[in-house]
Amino acid sequence: MIDRARAEAVFDEYVSGYDADNILIAHKVTHTKRVAANCECIARSLGMDPEDVDFAWFLGLLHDIGRFEQVKRYGTFIDSQSVDHAEFGADLLFGEGLLRRFPVEHLRKEDPAILETAIRLHNKLAIPSDLDERTACFANIIRDADKADIFRVMAELPFEQRVGSSRKLFVEADEAGEAVMDCVREHRCVPRALIRTRFEGHIAHCCMAFELVFPKSRQIVREQGYLNLLLSESDADGKPLWTERELVQLRILKDEIGKALDEPAETK
């Protein structure tokens, strides 16, 4: 069993070395702990034994460990303009020995390899089809848990603060390109290479709902309500958030996500 108190204490000590006044750091600490809780919730819904539930929680705690150094060095969470945070975090843990600070003495023999693989894959467009069943399961747990809380981060953290100095890289346009909208209609995630504008980035984040694997994950997303906020057409004061042409596409997105979240588990 993972000693959760020790693991969280090590995590807190590690992140204390970064600027707590940086809103990106503060949000990432919150995100990490919420993802860990989501992982535990999903694992329990799958009927996992207590040891595997703990392992899922631990995976959530470590999945974004590379984000803190990423923000410190580059001032952004945009991987394409800095570093792949999943690969970077796995390198810190397994290449530079950061994992040894954590209470891993009671992990199953195969679990460190699963941990590394799941962390490296958690931000990728898809996971390889040749993973063994146990590795694929945990990789999907962390990916679902992460997506579920990213909706909260998107809803709570303003665009300018999320992307930092990289906001200048987004071009202006009045609607999303057809390649992005094809992803919406086909119920799949949007490849990063297609994202050119802020609105396309917004659509891409919402499209993560299409590829939630577990019924519990979809339940979490529905109950939290953050995705509904992201699909809103106006702000709290009734001011439109998007142009008329963007709103047409947003309504298409909203309809398709509604269908996807209501799909029976066996069709996912």
Protein backbone atom coordinates (compact mmCIF):
# COMPACT_ATOMS: atom_id res chain seq x y z
CA MET A 1 0.00 0.00 0.00
CA ILE A 2 1.12 3.55 -0.73
CA ASP A 3 1.72 5.69 2.36
CA ARG A 4 -0.44 8.54 1.16
CA ALA A 5 0.49 10.94 3.94
CA ARG A 6 4.19 10.53 3.18
CA ALA A 7 3.63 10.76 -0.56
CA GLU A 8 1.64 13.97 -0.28
CA ALA A 9 4.20 15.43 2.15
CA VAL A 10 7.00 14.75 -0.34
CA PHE A 11 4.94 16.32 -3.12
CA ASP A 12 4.21 19.40 -1.00
CA GLU A 13 7.88 19.75 -0.09
CA TYR A 14 8.87 19.50 -3.76
CA VAL A 15 6.44 22.14 -4.99
CA SER A 16 7.34 24.46 -2.10
CA GLY A 17 10.54 25.12 -4.02
CA TYR A 18 8.54 26.96 -6.68
CA ASP A 19 6.92 30.40 -6.61
CA ALA A 20 3.64 29.98 -4.75
CA ASP A 21 2.58 33.47 -5.85
CA ASN A 22 2.63 32.35 -9.49
CA ILE A 23 -1.00 31.57 -10.28
CA LEU A 24 0.08 28.83 -12.69
CA ILE A 25 1.94 27.05 -9.90
CA ALA A 26 -0.95 27.45 -7.47
CA HIS A 27 -3.48 26.11 -9.96
CA LYS A 28 -1.25 23.17 -10.85
CA VAL A 29 -1.00 22.12 -7.20
CA THR A 30 -4.79 22.18 -6.95
CA HIS A 31 -5.12 20.38 -10.27
CA THR A 32 -2.74 17.63 -9.19
CA LYS A 33 -4.63 16.83 -6.02
CA ARG A 34 -7.99 16.91 -7.75
CA VAL A 35 -6.72 14.57 -10.46
CA ALA A 36 -5.43 12.19 -7.79
CA ALA A 37 -8.90 12.21 -6.21
CA ASN A 38 -10.49 11.60 -9.61
CA CYS A 39 -8.14 8.66 -10.18
CA GLU A 40 -9.18 7.15 -6.87
CA CYS A 41 -12.86 7.63 -7.68
CA ILE A 42 -12.53 5.99 -11.11
CA ALA A 43 -10.48 3.09 -9.72
CA ARG A 44 -13.09 2.43 -7.04
CA SER A 45 -15.83 2.45 -9.67
CA LEU A 46 -13.95 -0.33 -11.48
CA GLY A 47 -13.96 -2.51 -8.36
CA MET A 48 -10.19 -2.40 -7.93
CA ASP A 49 -8.63 -3.72 -4.74
CA PRO A 50 -7.38 -1.16 -2.17
CA GLU A 51 -3.76 -1.51 -3.30
CA ASP A 52 -4.64 -0.63 -6.89
CA VAL A 53 -6.89 2.22 -5.75
CA ASP A 54 -3.90 3.64 -3.87
CA PHE A 55 -1.71 3.16 -6.92
CA ALA A 56 -4.20 5.03 -9.10
CA TRP A 57 -4.24 7.89 -6.58
CA PHE A 58 -0.41 7.94 -6.56
CA LEU A 59 -0.34 8.07 -10.35
CA GLY A 60 -2.55 11.13 -10.19
CA LEU A 61 -0.25 12.77 -7.67
CA LEU A 62 2.77 12.33 -9.95
CA HIS A 63 1.29 12.76 -13.41
CA ASP A 64 2.06 16.49 -13.79
CA ILE A 65 5.27 16.71 -11.76
CA GLY A 66 7.03 18.17 -14.81
CA ARG A 67 4.68 21.16 -14.96
CA PHE A 68 6.34 23.07 -12.14
CA GLU A 69 9.78 23.18 -13.71
CA GLN A 70 8.16 23.84 -17.09
CA VAL A 71 6.49 27.01 -15.80
CA LYS A 72 9.63 28.10 -13.98
CA ARG A 73 11.76 27.79 -17.09
CA TYR A 74 9.35 28.78 -19.85
CA GLY A 75 6.47 30.68 -18.24
CA THR A 76 3.81 28.67 -20.09
CA PHE A 77 1.93 25.40 -20.07
CA ILE A 78 1.98 25.17 -23.88
CA ASP A 79 4.17 22.16 -24.57
CA SER A 80 4.81 23.02 -28.22
CA GLN A 81 6.42 26.26 -27.12
CA SER A 82 8.42 24.77 -24.26
CA VAL A 83 8.76 21.07 -23.47
CA ASP A 84 6.52 18.00 -23.46
CA HIS A 85 5.55 18.12 -19.80
CA ALA A 86 4.66 14.43 -19.59
CA GLU A 87 8.01 13.28 -20.99
CA PHE A 88 9.80 15.90 -18.90
CA GLY A 89 8.07 14.76 -15.71
CA ALA A 90 8.80 11.09 -16.39
CA ASP A 91 12.44 11.97 -17.02
CA LEU A 92 12.62 13.82 -13.71
CA LEU A 93 11.07 10.89 -11.87
CA PHE A 94 12.81 7.97 -13.55
CA GLY A 95 15.90 9.52 -15.14
CA GLU A 96 16.94 11.97 -12.45
CA GLY A 97 15.79 9.97 -9.43
CA LEU A 98 12.95 12.15 -8.17
CA LEU A 99 10.77 9.06 -7.67
CA ARG A 100 13.14 7.82 -4.96
CA ARG A 101 11.96 10.62 -2.67
CA PHE A 102 8.49 9.09 -2.62
CA PRO A 103 7.37 6.03 -0.61
CA VAL A 104 7.57 3.42 -3.39
CA GLU A 105 9.00 0.52 -1.40
CA HIS A 106 5.70 -1.38 -1.39
CA LEU A 107 4.85 -1.03 -5.08
CA ARG A 108 4.32 -4.25 -7.01
CA LYS A 109 7.32 -5.26 -9.09
CA GLU A 110 5.68 -4.23 -12.36
CA ASP A 111 4.19 -0.96 -11.10
CA PRO A 112 7.13 1.45 -11.62
CA ALA A 113 7.12 0.60 -15.34
CA ILE A 114 3.34 1.11 -15.47
CA LEU A 115 3.73 4.41 -13.63
CA GLU A 116 6.32 5.65 -16.11
CA THR A 117 4.35 4.57 -19.16
CA ALA A 118 1.09 6.09 -17.90
CA ILE A 119 2.78 9.40 -17.06
CA ARG A 120 4.47 9.61 -20.45
CA LEU A 121 1.20 8.88 -22.25
CA HIS A 122 -1.22 10.96 -20.23
CA ASN A 123 -1.05 13.97 -22.57
CA LYS A 124 -0.78 12.15 -25.88
CA LEU A 125 -3.55 12.15 -28.47
CA ALA A 126 -4.02 8.38 -28.04
CA ILE A 127 -2.39 5.47 -26.26
CA PRO A 128 -0.73 2.62 -28.20
CA SER A 129 -2.93 -0.36 -28.97
CA ASP A 130 -0.28 -2.87 -27.88
CA LEU A 131 -0.20 -2.05 -24.16
CA ASP A 132 -0.93 -4.90 -21.78
CA GLU A 133 -4.33 -4.78 -20.09
CA ARG A 134 -3.12 -3.51 -16.71
CA THR A 135 -0.96 -0.76 -18.17
CA ALA A 136 -3.72 0.34 -20.54
CA CYS A 137 -6.21 0.48 -17.69
CA PHE A 138 -4.08 2.79 -15.55
CA ALA A 139 -3.11 4.88 -18.58
CA ASN A 140 -6.80 5.41 -19.31
CA ILE A 141 -7.58 6.17 -15.66
CA ILE A 142 -5.06 9.01 -15.50
CA ARG A 143 -6.08 10.35 -18.89
CA ASP A 144 -9.76 10.44 -17.90
CA ALA A 145 -9.03 11.91 -14.47
CA ASP A 146 -6.83 14.60 -15.99
CA LYS A 147 -9.36 15.57 -18.66
CA ALA A 148 -12.14 15.83 -16.09
CA ASP A 149 -10.23 18.43 -14.09
CA ILE A 150 -8.86 20.28 -17.10
CA PHE A 151 -12.44 21.40 -17.73
CA ARG A 152 -12.36 23.05 -14.29
CA VAL A 153 -9.00 24.71 -14.99
CA MET A 154 -10.28 26.04 -18.31
CA ALA A 155 -13.40 27.42 -16.65
CA GLU A 156 -11.58 29.06 -13.73
CA LEU A 157 -8.24 30.26 -15.12
CA PRO A 158 -8.33 33.07 -17.72
CA PHE A 159 -6.82 32.33 -21.12
CA GLU A 160 -4.09 34.95 -20.76
CA GLN A 161 -2.90 33.42 -17.49
CA ARG A 162 -2.99 29.84 -18.79
CA VAL A 163 -0.79 30.48 -21.81
CA GLY A 164 1.42 33.25 -20.43
CA SER A 165 3.70 34.88 -22.99
CA SER A 166 2.70 32.28 -25.61
CA ARG A 167 -0.66 34.00 -26.20
CA LYS A 168 0.92 36.03 -29.01
CA LEU A 169 1.32 32.81 -30.99
CA PHE A 170 -2.45 32.49 -31.52
CA VAL A 171 -3.68 34.12 -34.71
CA GLU A 172 -7.02 35.91 -34.96
CA ALA A 173 -9.87 34.26 -36.88
CA ASP A 174 -13.64 34.44 -36.78
CA GLU A 175 -14.37 30.70 -36.76
CA ALA A 176 -12.68 27.33 -36.46
CA GLY A 177 -11.21 25.62 -39.50
CA GLU A 178 -12.96 22.66 -41.11
CA ALA A 179 -10.26 20.24 -39.95
CA VAL A 180 -11.07 21.13 -36.34
CA MET A 181 -14.82 20.86 -36.94
CA ASP A 182 -14.31 17.46 -38.59
CA CYS A 183 -12.90 16.30 -35.24
CA VAL A 184 -16.06 17.58 -33.56
CA ARG A 185 -18.34 15.71 -35.96
CA GLU A 186 -16.26 12.55 -35.68
CA HIS A 187 -16.20 12.69 -31.86
CA ARG A 188 -12.43 12.72 -31.50
CA CYS A 189 -9.75 14.87 -29.92
CA VAL A 190 -8.16 17.66 -31.94
CA PRO A 191 -4.46 17.20 -32.82
CA ARG A 192 -2.33 20.07 -31.51
CA ALA A 193 -1.01 20.76 -35.00
CA LEU A 194 -4.48 21.92 -36.09
CA ILE A 195 -4.87 24.55 -33.37
CA ARG A 196 -4.13 28.07 -34.61
CA THR A 197 -6.54 30.31 -32.71
CA ARG A 198 -7.87 30.80 -29.21
CA PHE A 199 -11.32 29.55 -30.29
CA GLU A 200 -9.84 26.40 -31.84
CA GLY A 201 -7.94 25.81 -28.60
CA HIS A 202 -11.20 26.20 -26.71
CA ILE A 203 -12.92 23.66 -28.97
CA ALA A 204 -9.98 21.28 -28.65
CA HIS A 205 -10.19 21.29 -24.87
CA CYS A 206 -13.93 20.63 -24.95
CA CYS A 207 -13.42 17.79 -27.42
CA MET A 208 -11.57 15.85 -24.73
CA ALA A 209 -15.03 14.84 -23.52
CA PHE A 210 -15.43 12.66 -26.61
CA GLU A 211 -12.71 10.25 -25.54
CA LEU A 212 -13.52 9.71 -21.89
CA VAL A 213 -13.24 5.95 -21.42
CA PHE A 214 -15.00 5.10 -18.17
CA PRO A 215 -18.65 5.68 -17.20
CA LYS A 216 -17.52 7.17 -13.89
CA SER A 217 -15.44 9.74 -15.74
CA ARG A 218 -18.42 10.92 -17.74
CA GLN A 219 -20.47 11.05 -14.53
CA ILE A 220 -17.82 13.21 -12.85
CA VAL A 221 -17.80 15.61 -15.81
CA ARG A 222 -21.59 15.88 -15.89
CA GLU A 223 -21.88 16.44 -12.13
CA GLN A 224 -19.10 19.01 -11.88
CA GLY A 225 -20.67 21.21 -14.54
CA TYR A 226 -17.47 22.88 -15.71
CA LEU A 227 -17.85 21.58 -19.26
CA ASN A 228 -21.27 23.23 -19.40
CA LEU A 229 -19.62 26.51 -18.44
CA LEU A 230 -17.11 26.11 -21.28
CA LEU A 231 -19.99 25.54 -23.69
CA SER A 232 -21.79 28.69 -22.55
CA GLU A 233 -22.49 31.30 -25.20
CA SER A 234 -22.37 34.31 -22.85
CA ASP A 235 -20.77 35.34 -19.58
CA ALA A 236 -22.51 35.90 -16.24
CA ASP A 237 -23.56 39.38 -17.36
CA GLY A 238 -25.09 38.11 -20.60
CA LYS A 239 -22.29 39.43 -22.79
CA PRO A 240 -21.55 37.14 -25.79
CA LEU A 241 -18.28 35.29 -25.44
CA TRP A 242 -17.82 34.53 -29.14
CA THR A 243 -18.64 35.98 -32.55
CA GLU A 244 -21.81 34.93 -34.36
CA ARG A 245 -19.89 32.57 -36.66
CA GLU A 246 -18.12 31.03 -33.68
CA LEU A 247 -21.42 30.59 -31.87
CA VAL A 248 -22.79 28.51 -34.75
CA GLN A 249 -19.85 26.14 -34.36
CA LEU A 250 -20.10 26.18 -30.56
CA ARG A 251 -23.70 24.98 -30.82
CA ILE A 252 -22.63 22.10 -33.06
CA LEU A 253 -19.96 21.22 -30.51
CA LYS A 254 -22.47 21.38 -27.66
CA ASP A 255 -24.88 19.03 -29.46
CA GLU A 256 -22.19 16.50 -30.29
CA ILE A 257 -20.76 16.48 -26.76
CA GLY A 258 -24.25 15.99 -25.38
CA LYS A 259 -24.62 12.89 -27.55
CA ALA A 260 -21.21 11.57 -26.52
CA LEU A 261 -21.74 11.94 -22.78
CA ASP A 262 -25.05 10.11 -23.03
CA GLU A 263 -23.64 7.13 -24.96
CA PRO A 264 -23.94 3.76 -23.20
CA ALA A 265 -20.66 2.48 -21.79
CA GLU A 266 -20.40 -0.41 -24.24
CA THR A 267 -20.25 1.99 -27.21
CA LYS A 268 -17.27 3.91 -25.84
